[in-house]
Amino acid sequence: MAALTQKKISISPEQKQFLENHRQWGFPDQSSIVREALARYIDELKTDRRKTQLALKAAELVSEYEIDDELTRFTDLDSEDFL
């Protein structure tokens, strides 16, 4: 694990209670539960960003797809089973 940095943050009483019960959730200490939560949230944000970017790109290309026979040549095969 990379070197850790300390950071002072403000949390709600409910969040404080949750962290104090870290062992109940299977974490050895309060910091580890915060690190895990942040790691999961970062992954979620990155996934959401990628999905948004893909949706925007698809929206940009939809008009091209609708008029270009080269792109739609195999569309009729979409409903056929491969096996």
C-alpha atoms as a PDB file:
ATOM      1  CA  MET A   1       0.000   0.000   0.000  1.00  0.00           C
ATOM      2  CA  ALA A   2       1.196   3.512  -0.779  1.00  0.00           C
ATOM      3  CA  ALA A   3       2.116   5.893   2.003  1.00  0.00           C
ATOM      4  CA  LEU A   4      -0.964   7.156   3.789  1.00  0.00           C
ATOM      5  CA  THR A   5      -1.817  10.789   4.451  1.00  0.00           C
ATOM      6  CA  GLN A   6      -3.891  12.020   7.346  1.00  0.00           C
ATOM      7  CA  LYS A   7      -6.855  14.288   6.615  1.00  0.00           C
ATOM      8  CA  LYS A   8      -9.185  16.019   9.048  1.00  0.00           C
ATOM      9  CA  ILE A   9     -12.842  15.828   7.966  1.00  0.00           C
ATOM     10  CA  SER A  10     -16.232  16.674   9.451  1.00  0.00           C
ATOM     11  CA  ILE A  11     -18.914  13.977   9.614  1.00  0.00           C
ATOM     12  CA  SER A  12     -22.449  13.673  10.933  1.00  0.00           C
ATOM     13  CA  PRO A  13     -23.219  11.980  14.280  1.00  0.00           C
ATOM     14  CA  GLU A  14     -24.701   9.026  12.359  1.00  0.00           C
ATOM     15  CA  GLN A  15     -21.494   8.658  10.344  1.00  0.00           C
ATOM     16  CA  LYS A  16     -19.437   8.912  13.527  1.00  0.00           C
ATOM     17  CA  GLN A  17     -21.469   6.104  15.105  1.00  0.00           C
ATOM     18  CA  PHE A  18     -21.062   3.997  11.968  1.00  0.00           C
ATOM     19  CA  LEU A  19     -17.282   4.424  12.030  1.00  0.00           C
ATOM     20  CA  GLU A  20     -17.132   3.598  15.714  1.00  0.00           C
ATOM     21  CA  ASN A  21     -18.828   0.284  14.898  1.00  0.00           C
ATOM     22  CA  HIS A  22     -16.176  -0.561  12.261  1.00  0.00           C
ATOM     23  CA  ARG A  23     -15.487  -4.015  13.705  1.00  0.00           C
ATOM     24  CA  GLN A  24     -19.157  -4.933  13.307  1.00  0.00           C
ATOM     25  CA  TRP A  25     -18.704  -4.320   9.552  1.00  0.00           C
ATOM     26  CA  GLY A  26     -15.481  -6.340   9.366  1.00  0.00           C
ATOM     27  CA  PHE A  27     -12.958  -3.497   9.302  1.00  0.00           C
ATOM     28  CA  PRO A  28      -9.924  -3.420  11.587  1.00  0.00           C
ATOM     29  CA  ASP A  29     -10.096   0.341  12.133  1.00  0.00           C
ATOM     30  CA  GLN A  30     -12.079   3.446  11.242  1.00  0.00           C
ATOM     31  CA  SER A  31      -9.599   4.597   8.611  1.00  0.00           C
ATOM     32  CA  SER A  32      -9.875   1.354   6.661  1.00  0.00           C
ATOM     33  CA  ILE A  33     -13.641   1.695   6.342  1.00  0.00           C
ATOM     34  CA  VAL A  34     -13.250   5.272   5.049  1.00  0.00           C
ATOM     35  CA  ARG A  35     -10.565   4.178   2.560  1.00  0.00           C
ATOM     36  CA  GLU A  36     -12.765   1.342   1.288  1.00  0.00           C
ATOM     37  CA  ALA A  37     -15.794   3.622   0.957  1.00  0.00           C
ATOM     38  CA  LEU A  38     -13.756   6.206  -0.962  1.00  0.00           C
ATOM     39  CA  ALA A  39     -12.255   3.565  -3.262  1.00  0.00           C
ATOM     40  CA  ARG A  40     -15.715   2.219  -4.101  1.00  0.00           C
ATOM     41  CA  TYR A  41     -17.112   5.698  -4.663  1.00  0.00           C
ATOM     42  CA  ILE A  42     -14.206   6.641  -6.931  1.00  0.00           C
ATOM     43  CA  ASP A  43     -14.806   3.481  -8.996  1.00  0.00           C
ATOM     44  CA  GLU A  44     -18.525   4.294  -9.194  1.00  0.00           C
ATOM     45  CA  LEU A  45     -17.835   7.846 -10.381  1.00  0.00           C
ATOM     46  CA  LYS A  46     -15.392   6.619 -13.021  1.00  0.00           C
ATOM     47  CA  THR A  47     -17.909   4.031 -14.253  1.00  0.00           C
ATOM     48  CA  ASP A  48     -20.660   6.651 -14.415  1.00  0.00           C
ATOM     49  CA  ARG A  49     -18.364   8.992 -16.349  1.00  0.00           C
ATOM     50  CA  ARG A  50     -17.507   6.255 -18.864  1.00  0.00           C
ATOM     51  CA  LYS A  51     -21.198   5.412 -19.334  1.00  0.00           C
ATOM     52  CA  THR A  52     -22.014   9.080 -19.892  1.00  0.00           C
ATOM     53  CA  GLN A  53     -19.202   9.454 -22.409  1.00  0.00           C
ATOM     54  CA  LEU A  54     -20.348   6.344 -24.281  1.00  0.00           C
ATOM     55  CA  ALA A  55     -23.942   7.580 -24.365  1.00  0.00           C
ATOM     56  CA  LEU A  56     -22.835  10.961 -25.703  1.00  0.00           C
ATOM     57  CA  LYS A  57     -20.691   9.325 -28.381  1.00  0.00           C
ATOM     58  CA  ALA A  58     -23.549   7.002 -29.355  1.00  0.00           C
ATOM     59  CA  ALA A  59     -25.884   9.991 -29.644  1.00  0.00           C
ATOM     60  CA  GLU A  60     -23.339  11.714 -31.895  1.00  0.00           C
ATOM     61  CA  LEU A  61     -23.115   8.691 -34.171  1.00  0.00           C
ATOM     62  CA  VAL A  62     -26.770   7.653 -34.356  1.00  0.00           C
ATOM     63  CA  SER A  63     -27.559   9.851 -37.363  1.00  0.00           C
ATOM     64  CA  GLU A  64     -24.530   8.429 -39.185  1.00  0.00           C
ATOM     65  CA  TYR A  65     -25.644   4.900 -38.393  1.00  0.00           C
ATOM     66  CA  GLU A  66     -29.158   5.533 -39.686  1.00  0.00           C
ATOM     67  CA  ILE A  67     -28.027   6.715 -43.147  1.00  0.00           C
ATOM     68  CA  ASP A  68     -24.832   4.746 -43.838  1.00  0.00           C
ATOM     69  CA  ASP A  69     -25.550   1.387 -45.495  1.00  0.00           C
ATOM     70  CA  GLU A  70     -22.032   0.192 -44.682  1.00  0.00           C
ATOM     71  CA  LEU A  71     -22.845   0.487 -40.972  1.00  0.00           C
ATOM     72  CA  THR A  72     -26.285  -1.116 -41.157  1.00  0.00           C
ATOM     73  CA  ARG A  73     -25.512  -3.977 -43.559  1.00  0.00           C
ATOM     74  CA  PHE A  74     -25.644  -6.655 -40.849  1.00  0.00           C
ATOM     75  CA  THR A  75     -28.463  -5.178 -38.765  1.00  0.00           C
ATOM     76  CA  ASP A  76     -30.900  -7.830 -40.020  1.00  0.00           C
ATOM     77  CA  LEU A  77     -28.663 -10.494 -38.499  1.00  0.00           C
ATOM     78  CA  ASP A  78     -28.969  -9.042 -34.991  1.00  0.00           C
ATOM     79  CA  SER A  79     -32.004 -11.154 -34.152  1.00  0.00           C
ATOM     80  CA  GLU A  80     -30.554 -14.428 -35.508  1.00  0.00           C
ATOM     81  CA  ASP A  81     -28.866 -16.974 -33.266  1.00  0.00           C
ATOM     82  CA  PHE A  82     -25.196 -17.581 -33.960  1.00  0.00           C
ATOM     83  CA  LEU A  83     -25.215 -21.220 -32.940  1.00  0.00           C
END
